[in-house]
Amino acid sequence: MLAMASPRSTASTPCTRLHSSVHISNLDKPSSCHISLKSHFTPKFQVAENRIVAKAPCRSSKIMHIRCEEIYAPGAEEMYIPEEFRQIYEEIEKLGPAILDKTWYPKGVDSDNTKKTWYIVDATDKVLGRLASTIAIHIRGKNLPTFTPSVDMGAYVIVTNAEKIAVSGKKRTQKLYRRHSGRPGGLKEETFDQLQKRIPERIIEHAVRGMLPKGRLGRRLFTHLKVYKGPDHPHVAQKPVPLPIMDKRIMIKK
């Protein structure tokens, strides 16, 4: 029924030997290949025992040719499962389809910057840390039911009157901001009060940046924060809406 084929026969089905396994390139119909090697086949192939068809050393080309007989059995198009493993698959099929395995992940349309919401908030007499945490939540998108940690799902936030931000306790004179020029002895230090008089926008930016992720996602989210000194801003065309604030202690006690 089966014939011996030489290693260079062209009339047989080509098979490639990779790491002691034989892979048959013709996958149109299932075949019954009788070989002496203990090989692992794809589930569509049935291997018979004690039938030697080809036994040739693999040379530099590593190509071996064997003859295979076609099998036209009912249900041959389905995946072949060995007898010893059929019980495992039958128990899984009794459970039915896995409905909860379809994990949703946002597409490009869900994080489109042209469709994001713009918020505006007045920083007058608001506590720095509490305002910064509220801003970071909306820039991050944690207030949305579709929040995804690795995707930019948040909104844009505009902060006005940055020079009127408040802090509690003695932070106005004790809170320090340090920066370094990169050269020896280039460390510079100033208090909250000094920085507020010089660049008030940098105080809110520094607080919000520390509450965003570290990395390229955090650097991208930081561009969604717009801080301005005074009540005016150039984002009227975006039609910003008031920032929803749930913190009842965000206003400074006077």
C-alpha atoms as a PDB file:
ATOM      1  CA  MET A   1       0.000   0.000   0.000  1.00  0.00           C
ATOM      2  CA  LEU A   2       2.904   2.308   0.749  1.00  0.00           C
ATOM      3  CA  ALA A   3       6.033   2.691  -1.312  1.00  0.00           C
ATOM      4  CA  MET A   4       9.566   3.581  -0.329  1.00  0.00           C
ATOM      5  CA  ALA A   5      10.742   6.964  -1.609  1.00  0.00           C
ATOM      6  CA  SER A   6      14.231   8.274  -2.030  1.00  0.00           C
ATOM      7  CA  PRO A   7      15.363  11.472  -0.270  1.00  0.00           C
ATOM      8  CA  ARG A   8      15.353  13.349  -3.586  1.00  0.00           C
ATOM      9  CA  SER A   9      12.089  12.026  -5.019  1.00  0.00           C
ATOM     10  CA  THR A  10       9.998  14.781  -6.615  1.00  0.00           C
ATOM     11  CA  ALA A  11       6.701  12.865  -6.895  1.00  0.00           C
ATOM     12  CA  SER A  12       6.193  12.668  -3.138  1.00  0.00           C
ATOM     13  CA  THR A  13       4.899  15.217  -0.635  1.00  0.00           C
ATOM     14  CA  PRO A  14       7.716  17.422   0.747  1.00  0.00           C
ATOM     15  CA  CYS A  15       8.199  17.347   4.509  1.00  0.00           C
ATOM     16  CA  THR A  16      10.610  19.476   6.533  1.00  0.00           C
ATOM     17  CA  ARG A  17      12.299  18.113   9.623  1.00  0.00           C
ATOM     18  CA  LEU A  18      12.688  20.675  12.416  1.00  0.00           C
ATOM     19  CA  HIS A  19      13.933  19.602  15.872  1.00  0.00           C
ATOM     20  CA  SER A  20      13.030  15.899  15.496  1.00  0.00           C
ATOM     21  CA  SER A  21       9.557  16.641  14.135  1.00  0.00           C
ATOM     22  CA  VAL A  22       8.141  16.291  10.642  1.00  0.00           C
ATOM     23  CA  HIS A  23       5.915  18.994   9.198  1.00  0.00           C
ATOM     24  CA  ILE A  24       3.900  18.162   6.071  1.00  0.00           C
ATOM     25  CA  SER A  25       3.435  21.151   3.809  1.00  0.00           C
ATOM     26  CA  ASN A  26       0.284  19.818   2.100  1.00  0.00           C
ATOM     27  CA  LEU A  27      -2.507  20.608   4.593  1.00  0.00           C
ATOM     28  CA  ASP A  28      -5.470  20.466   2.222  1.00  0.00           C
ATOM     29  CA  LYS A  29      -6.563  16.962   3.215  1.00  0.00           C
ATOM     30  CA  PRO A  30      -5.652  14.794   6.224  1.00  0.00           C
ATOM     31  CA  SER A  31      -3.085  12.104   5.566  1.00  0.00           C
ATOM     32  CA  SER A  32      -1.888   8.923   7.215  1.00  0.00           C
ATOM     33  CA  CYS A  33       1.914   9.044   7.275  1.00  0.00           C
ATOM     34  CA  HIS A  34       3.808   5.997   8.504  1.00  0.00           C
ATOM     35  CA  ILE A  35       7.250   6.872   9.774  1.00  0.00           C
ATOM     36  CA  SER A  36       9.713   5.429  12.235  1.00  0.00           C
ATOM     37  CA  LEU A  37      10.429   8.736  13.992  1.00  0.00           C
ATOM     38  CA  LYS A  38       8.632   9.605  17.218  1.00  0.00           C
ATOM     39  CA  SER A  39       7.284  12.872  15.927  1.00  0.00           C
ATOM     40  CA  HIS A  40       4.604  15.291  17.038  1.00  0.00           C
ATOM     41  CA  PHE A  41       2.061  16.037  14.332  1.00  0.00           C
ATOM     42  CA  THR A  42      -0.637  18.641  14.026  1.00  0.00           C
ATOM     43  CA  PRO A  43      -4.057  17.326  15.101  1.00  0.00           C
ATOM     44  CA  LYS A  44      -5.226  16.727  11.517  1.00  0.00           C
ATOM     45  CA  PHE A  45      -2.766  13.859  10.957  1.00  0.00           C
ATOM     46  CA  GLN A  46      -3.020  10.282  12.267  1.00  0.00           C
ATOM     47  CA  VAL A  47       0.214   8.345  12.717  1.00  0.00           C
ATOM     48  CA  ALA A  48       0.309   4.565  12.396  1.00  0.00           C
ATOM     49  CA  GLU A  49       2.915   2.549  14.226  1.00  0.00           C
ATOM     50  CA  ASN A  50       5.572   0.082  12.979  1.00  0.00           C
ATOM     51  CA  ARG A  51       5.427   1.260   9.365  1.00  0.00           C
ATOM     52  CA  ILE A  52       8.722   2.531   7.981  1.00  0.00           C
ATOM     53  CA  VAL A  53       8.365   4.707   4.919  1.00  0.00           C
ATOM     54  CA  ALA A  54      11.379   6.981   4.832  1.00  0.00           C
ATOM     55  CA  LYS A  55      14.595   6.823   6.746  1.00  0.00           C
ATOM     56  CA  ALA A  56      17.162   9.125   5.237  1.00  0.00           C
ATOM     57  CA  PRO A  57      19.798  11.328   6.845  1.00  0.00           C
ATOM     58  CA  CYS A  58      19.115  15.057   6.672  1.00  0.00           C
ATOM     59  CA  ARG A  59      21.849  16.845   4.787  1.00  0.00           C
ATOM     60  CA  SER A  60      22.576  20.570   4.633  1.00  0.00           C
ATOM     61  CA  SER A  61      19.228  21.255   2.945  1.00  0.00           C
ATOM     62  CA  LYS A  62      17.379  19.324   5.714  1.00  0.00           C
ATOM     63  CA  ILE A  63      14.652  18.226   3.256  1.00  0.00           C
ATOM     64  CA  MET A  64      13.136  14.737   3.458  1.00  0.00           C
ATOM     65  CA  HIS A  65      10.496  13.301   1.104  1.00  0.00           C
ATOM     66  CA  ILE A  66       7.955  10.651   2.118  1.00  0.00           C
ATOM     67  CA  ARG A  67       4.842   9.188   0.550  1.00  0.00           C
ATOM     68  CA  CYS A  68       1.495   9.639   2.261  1.00  0.00           C
ATOM     69  CA  GLU A  69      -1.889   8.094   1.544  1.00  0.00           C
ATOM     70  CA  GLU A  70      -5.009  10.248   1.561  1.00  0.00           C
ATOM     71  CA  ILE A  71      -7.798   9.467   4.034  1.00  0.00           C
ATOM     72  CA  TYR A  72     -11.381  10.378   3.205  1.00  0.00           C
ATOM     73  CA  ALA A  73     -13.019   9.686   6.536  1.00  0.00           C
ATOM     74  CA  PRO A  74     -16.197  11.361   7.798  1.00  0.00           C
ATOM     75  CA  GLY A  75     -15.459  14.369   9.911  1.00  0.00           C
ATOM     76  CA  ALA A  76     -11.902  14.656   8.596  1.00  0.00           C
ATOM     77  CA  GLU A  77     -12.215  18.439   8.321  1.00  0.00           C
ATOM     78  CA  GLU A  78     -12.599  18.734  12.090  1.00  0.00           C
ATOM     79  CA  MET A  79      -9.681  18.851  14.485  1.00  0.00           C
ATOM     80  CA  TYR A  80      -8.343  15.435  15.436  1.00  0.00           C
ATOM     81  CA  ILE A  81      -8.108  14.855  19.209  1.00  0.00           C
ATOM     82  CA  PRO A  82      -6.321  11.764  20.577  1.00  0.00           C
ATOM     83  CA  GLU A  83      -8.334   9.289  22.625  1.00  0.00           C
ATOM     84  CA  GLU A  84      -6.525  10.026  25.896  1.00  0.00           C
ATOM     85  CA  PHE A  85      -7.316  13.773  25.687  1.00  0.00           C
ATOM     86  CA  ARG A  86     -10.947  13.685  24.517  1.00  0.00           C
ATOM     87  CA  GLN A  87     -12.328  13.624  28.059  1.00  0.00           C
ATOM     88  CA  ILE A  88     -10.748  17.010  28.796  1.00  0.00           C
ATOM     89  CA  TYR A  89     -12.392  18.690  25.805  1.00  0.00           C
ATOM     90  CA  GLU A  90     -15.775  17.079  26.474  1.00  0.00           C
ATOM     91  CA  GLU A  91     -15.870  18.592  29.985  1.00  0.00           C
ATOM     92  CA  ILE A  92     -15.026  22.035  28.617  1.00  0.00           C
ATOM     93  CA  GLU A  93     -17.775  21.819  25.986  1.00  0.00           C
ATOM     94  CA  LYS A  94     -20.373  21.102  28.680  1.00  0.00           C
ATOM     95  CA  LEU A  95     -19.708  24.511  30.235  1.00  0.00           C
ATOM     96  CA  GLY A  96     -20.894  26.285  27.096  1.00  0.00           C
ATOM     97  CA  PRO A  97     -19.390  29.350  25.386  1.00  0.00           C
ATOM     98  CA  ALA A  98     -17.202  31.689  27.455  1.00  0.00           C
ATOM     99  CA  ILE A  99     -19.270  34.873  27.412  1.00  0.00           C
ATOM    100  CA  LEU A 100     -17.193  36.808  29.972  1.00  0.00           C
ATOM    101  CA  ASP A 101     -13.887  36.367  28.120  1.00  0.00           C
ATOM    102  CA  LYS A 102     -14.557  39.262  25.722  1.00  0.00           C
ATOM    103  CA  THR A 103     -12.470  42.044  27.276  1.00  0.00           C
ATOM    104  CA  TRP A 104     -13.259  45.521  25.991  1.00  0.00           C
ATOM    105  CA  TYR A 105     -10.358  47.777  25.008  1.00  0.00           C
ATOM    106  CA  PRO A 106     -10.730  51.348  23.719  1.00  0.00           C
ATOM    107  CA  LYS A 107     -10.179  52.012  20.036  1.00  0.00           C
ATOM    108  CA  GLY A 108      -8.621  55.057  18.446  1.00  0.00           C
ATOM    109  CA  VAL A 109     -11.995  56.794  18.211  1.00  0.00           C
ATOM    110  CA  ASP A 110     -12.476  56.543  21.985  1.00  0.00           C
ATOM    111  CA  SER A 111      -9.296  58.548  22.689  1.00  0.00           C
ATOM    112  CA  ASP A 112      -9.646  61.109  19.897  1.00  0.00           C
ATOM    113  CA  ASN A 113      -8.469  64.523  21.131  1.00  0.00           C
ATOM    114  CA  THR A 114     -10.983  66.362  18.961  1.00  0.00           C
ATOM    115  CA  LYS A 115     -13.862  64.775  20.891  1.00  0.00           C
ATOM    116  CA  LYS A 116     -12.537  65.353  24.403  1.00  0.00           C
ATOM    117  CA  THR A 117     -14.292  67.554  26.942  1.00  0.00           C
ATOM    118  CA  TRP A 118     -12.777  70.873  28.011  1.00  0.00           C
ATOM    119  CA  TYR A 119     -13.154  71.985  31.638  1.00  0.00           C
ATOM    120  CA  ILE A 120     -12.365  75.314  33.247  1.00  0.00           C
ATOM    121  CA  VAL A 121     -11.758  76.092  36.918  1.00  0.00           C
ATOM    122  CA  ASP A 122     -10.958  79.249  38.846  1.00  0.00           C
ATOM    123  CA  ALA A 123      -8.074  78.711  41.299  1.00  0.00           C
ATOM    124  CA  THR A 124      -8.997  81.628  43.544  1.00  0.00           C
ATOM    125  CA  ASP A 125      -8.736  80.658  47.249  1.00  0.00           C
ATOM    126  CA  LYS A 126      -8.572  76.927  46.447  1.00  0.00           C
ATOM    127  CA  VAL A 127      -6.182  74.588  48.258  1.00  0.00           C
ATOM    128  CA  LEU A 128      -3.313  73.603  46.000  1.00  0.00           C
ATOM    129  CA  GLY A 129      -3.229  69.853  46.696  1.00  0.00           C
ATOM    130  CA  ARG A 130      -6.984  69.313  46.580  1.00  0.00           C
ATOM    131  CA  LEU A 131      -7.361  71.240  43.349  1.00  0.00           C
ATOM    132  CA  ALA A 132      -4.414  69.432  41.752  1.00  0.00           C
ATOM    133  CA  SER A 133      -5.843  65.995  42.615  1.00  0.00           C
ATOM    134  CA  THR A 134      -9.212  66.898  41.084  1.00  0.00           C
ATOM    135  CA  ILE A 135      -7.519  68.155  37.927  1.00  0.00           C
ATOM    136  CA  ALA A 136      -5.363  65.021  37.670  1.00  0.00           C
ATOM    137  CA  ILE A 137      -8.424  62.748  37.961  1.00  0.00           C
ATOM    138  CA  HIS A 138     -10.145  64.393  34.988  1.00  0.00           C
ATOM    139  CA  ILE A 139      -6.985  64.602  32.875  1.00  0.00           C
ATOM    140  CA  ARG A 140      -6.314  60.920  33.581  1.00  0.00           C
ATOM    141  CA  GLY A 141      -9.931  59.967  32.837  1.00  0.00           C
ATOM    142  CA  LYS A 142     -10.538  58.138  36.120  1.00  0.00           C
ATOM    143  CA  ASN A 143     -13.987  59.654  36.402  1.00  0.00           C
ATOM    144  CA  LEU A 144     -15.127  57.760  33.281  1.00  0.00           C
ATOM    145  CA  PRO A 145     -16.560  54.210  33.275  1.00  0.00           C
ATOM    146  CA  THR A 146     -14.352  53.458  30.254  1.00  0.00           C
ATOM    147  CA  PHE A 147     -11.122  54.336  32.099  1.00  0.00           C
ATOM    148  CA  THR A 148      -8.122  52.394  30.808  1.00  0.00           C
ATOM    149  CA  PRO A 149      -4.740  52.901  32.535  1.00  0.00           C
ATOM    150  CA  SER A 150      -2.674  52.645  29.338  1.00  0.00           C
ATOM    151  CA  VAL A 151      -4.809  54.923  27.136  1.00  0.00           C
ATOM    152  CA  ASP A 152      -5.340  58.677  27.089  1.00  0.00           C
ATOM    153  CA  MET A 153      -9.042  58.808  27.972  1.00  0.00           C
ATOM    154  CA  GLY A 154      -9.169  62.070  29.949  1.00  0.00           C
ATOM    155  CA  ALA A 155     -10.159  65.651  29.205  1.00  0.00           C
ATOM    156  CA  TYR A 156      -8.534  69.070  28.945  1.00  0.00           C
ATOM    157  CA  VAL A 157      -8.494  71.349  31.985  1.00  0.00           C
ATOM    158  CA  ILE A 158      -8.041  75.142  31.942  1.00  0.00           C
ATOM    159  CA  VAL A 159      -6.971  76.864  35.173  1.00  0.00           C
ATOM    160  CA  THR A 160      -7.340  80.617  35.557  1.00  0.00           C
ATOM    161  CA  ASN A 161      -6.183  83.023  38.289  1.00  0.00           C
ATOM    162  CA  ALA A 162      -3.188  80.830  39.095  1.00  0.00           C
ATOM    163  CA  GLU A 163      -1.631  83.606  41.178  1.00  0.00           C
ATOM    164  CA  LYS A 164      -4.522  83.331  43.705  1.00  0.00           C
ATOM    165  CA  ILE A 165      -3.959  79.678  44.639  1.00  0.00           C
ATOM    166  CA  ALA A 166      -3.832  79.053  48.397  1.00  0.00           C
ATOM    167  CA  VAL A 167      -2.027  76.675  50.741  1.00  0.00           C
ATOM    168  CA  SER A 168      -2.750  75.759  54.336  1.00  0.00           C
ATOM    169  CA  GLY A 169      -0.585  76.184  57.401  1.00  0.00           C
ATOM    170  CA  LYS A 170       2.879  77.708  57.065  1.00  0.00           C
ATOM    171  CA  LYS A 171       3.533  76.295  53.580  1.00  0.00           C
ATOM    172  CA  ARG A 172       3.688  79.761  52.076  1.00  0.00           C
ATOM    173  CA  THR A 173       7.084  80.306  53.710  1.00  0.00           C
ATOM    174  CA  GLN A 174       8.195  76.732  54.466  1.00  0.00           C
ATOM    175  CA  LYS A 175       7.377  74.925  51.218  1.00  0.00           C
ATOM    176  CA  LEU A 176      10.477  74.936  48.978  1.00  0.00           C
ATOM    177  CA  TYR A 177      10.908  74.496  45.226  1.00  0.00           C
ATOM    178  CA  ARG A 178      14.334  73.387  44.002  1.00  0.00           C
ATOM    179  CA  ARG A 179      15.818  73.321  40.519  1.00  0.00           C
ATOM    180  CA  HIS A 180      19.307  72.631  39.193  1.00  0.00           C
ATOM    181  CA  SER A 181      21.035  74.109  36.165  1.00  0.00           C
ATOM    182  CA  GLY A 182      23.160  70.985  35.643  1.00  0.00           C
ATOM    183  CA  ARG A 183      26.457  72.680  36.438  1.00  0.00           C
ATOM    184  CA  PRO A 184      28.460  72.433  39.693  1.00  0.00           C
ATOM    185  CA  GLY A 185      26.896  74.649  42.334  1.00  0.00           C
ATOM    186  CA  GLY A 186      23.839  75.265  40.155  1.00  0.00           C
ATOM    187  CA  LEU A 187      21.215  74.310  42.752  1.00  0.00           C
ATOM    188  CA  LYS A 188      18.632  77.053  43.230  1.00  0.00           C
ATOM    189  CA  GLU A 189      15.952  77.142  45.890  1.00  0.00           C
ATOM    190  CA  GLU A 190      12.963  79.370  46.523  1.00  0.00           C
ATOM    191  CA  THR A 191       9.874  79.351  48.703  1.00  0.00           C
ATOM    192  CA  PHE A 192       6.242  79.084  47.674  1.00  0.00           C
ATOM    193  CA  ASP A 193       5.713  82.803  48.153  1.00  0.00           C
ATOM    194  CA  GLN A 194       8.714  83.699  45.992  1.00  0.00           C
ATOM    195  CA  LEU A 195       7.703  81.386  43.142  1.00  0.00           C
ATOM    196  CA  GLN A 196       4.111  82.605  43.253  1.00  0.00           C
ATOM    197  CA  LYS A 197       5.273  86.168  42.678  1.00  0.00           C
ATOM    198  CA  ARG A 198       7.662  85.152  39.886  1.00  0.00           C
ATOM    199  CA  ILE A 199       5.869  82.342  37.920  1.00  0.00           C
ATOM    200  CA  PRO A 200       2.516  81.441  39.547  1.00  0.00           C
ATOM    201  CA  GLU A 201       1.604  78.993  36.746  1.00  0.00           C
ATOM    202  CA  ARG A 202       4.531  76.734  37.615  1.00  0.00           C
ATOM    203  CA  ILE A 203       3.123  75.941  41.080  1.00  0.00           C
ATOM    204  CA  ILE A 204      -0.034  74.274  39.740  1.00  0.00           C
ATOM    205  CA  GLU A 205       1.861  72.597  36.907  1.00  0.00           C
ATOM    206  CA  HIS A 206       4.367  71.123  39.355  1.00  0.00           C
ATOM    207  CA  ALA A 207       1.599  69.763  41.606  1.00  0.00           C
ATOM    208  CA  VAL A 208      -0.419  68.177  38.780  1.00  0.00           C
ATOM    209  CA  ARG A 209       2.646  66.697  37.063  1.00  0.00           C
ATOM    210  CA  GLY A 210       3.497  64.776  40.221  1.00  0.00           C
ATOM    211  CA  MET A 211       0.040  63.134  40.180  1.00  0.00           C
ATOM    212  CA  LEU A 212       0.259  61.896  36.570  1.00  0.00           C
ATOM    213  CA  PRO A 213       1.974  58.707  35.334  1.00  0.00           C
ATOM    214  CA  LYS A 214       5.719  58.820  34.823  1.00  0.00           C
ATOM    215  CA  GLY A 215       6.608  58.091  31.209  1.00  0.00           C
ATOM    216  CA  ARG A 216       5.506  59.046  27.730  1.00  0.00           C
ATOM    217  CA  LEU A 217       1.816  58.669  28.628  1.00  0.00           C
ATOM    218  CA  GLY A 218       2.251  61.088  31.528  1.00  0.00           C
ATOM    219  CA  ARG A 219       4.124  63.571  29.351  1.00  0.00           C
ATOM    220  CA  ARG A 220       1.296  63.462  26.824  1.00  0.00           C
ATOM    221  CA  LEU A 221      -1.369  63.911  29.505  1.00  0.00           C
ATOM    222  CA  PHE A 222       0.479  66.895  30.949  1.00  0.00           C
ATOM    223  CA  THR A 223      -0.081  68.793  27.697  1.00  0.00           C
ATOM    224  CA  HIS A 224      -3.824  68.703  28.472  1.00  0.00           C
ATOM    225  CA  LEU A 225      -3.322  71.114  31.356  1.00  0.00           C
ATOM    226  CA  LYS A 226      -3.570  74.834  30.507  1.00  0.00           C
ATOM    227  CA  VAL A 227      -2.681  77.214  33.372  1.00  0.00           C
ATOM    228  CA  TYR A 228      -2.971  81.004  33.002  1.00  0.00           C
ATOM    229  CA  LYS A 229      -2.369  84.003  35.170  1.00  0.00           C
ATOM    230  CA  GLY A 230      -5.493  86.127  35.367  1.00  0.00           C
ATOM    231  CA  PRO A 231      -9.070  85.397  34.314  1.00  0.00           C
ATOM    232  CA  ASP A 232      -8.474  85.348  30.541  1.00  0.00           C
ATOM    233  CA  HIS A 233      -7.573  82.353  28.377  1.00  0.00           C
ATOM    234  CA  PRO A 234      -7.368  81.713  24.595  1.00  0.00           C
ATOM    235  CA  HIS A 235      -9.603  78.594  24.568  1.00  0.00           C
ATOM    236  CA  VAL A 236     -13.039  80.158  24.150  1.00  0.00           C
ATOM    237  CA  ALA A 237     -13.603  78.281  20.872  1.00  0.00           C
ATOM    238  CA  GLN A 238     -13.417  74.928  22.723  1.00  0.00           C
ATOM    239  CA  LYS A 239     -16.465  75.942  24.822  1.00  0.00           C
ATOM    240  CA  PRO A 240     -15.161  74.756  28.206  1.00  0.00           C
ATOM    241  CA  VAL A 241     -17.608  73.769  30.934  1.00  0.00           C
ATOM    242  CA  PRO A 242     -17.085  74.216  34.709  1.00  0.00           C
ATOM    243  CA  LEU A 243     -14.952  71.531  36.322  1.00  0.00           C
ATOM    244  CA  PRO A 244     -17.096  69.322  38.610  1.00  0.00           C
ATOM    245  CA  ILE A 245     -15.580  69.442  42.102  1.00  0.00           C
ATOM    246  CA  MET A 246     -16.788  66.921  44.676  1.00  0.00           C
ATOM    247  CA  ASP A 247     -14.309  67.880  47.428  1.00  0.00           C
ATOM    248  CA  LYS A 248     -16.117  70.038  49.992  1.00  0.00           C
ATOM    249  CA  ARG A 249     -12.883  71.139  51.672  1.00  0.00           C
ATOM    250  CA  ILE A 250     -11.218  72.498  48.560  1.00  0.00           C
ATOM    251  CA  MET A 251     -11.752  76.117  49.606  1.00  0.00           C
ATOM    252  CA  ILE A 252      -9.267  77.627  52.050  1.00  0.00           C
ATOM    253  CA  LYS A 253     -10.596  78.563  55.470  1.00  0.00           C
ATOM    254  CA  LYS A 254     -10.102  82.223  56.217  1.00  0.00           C
END
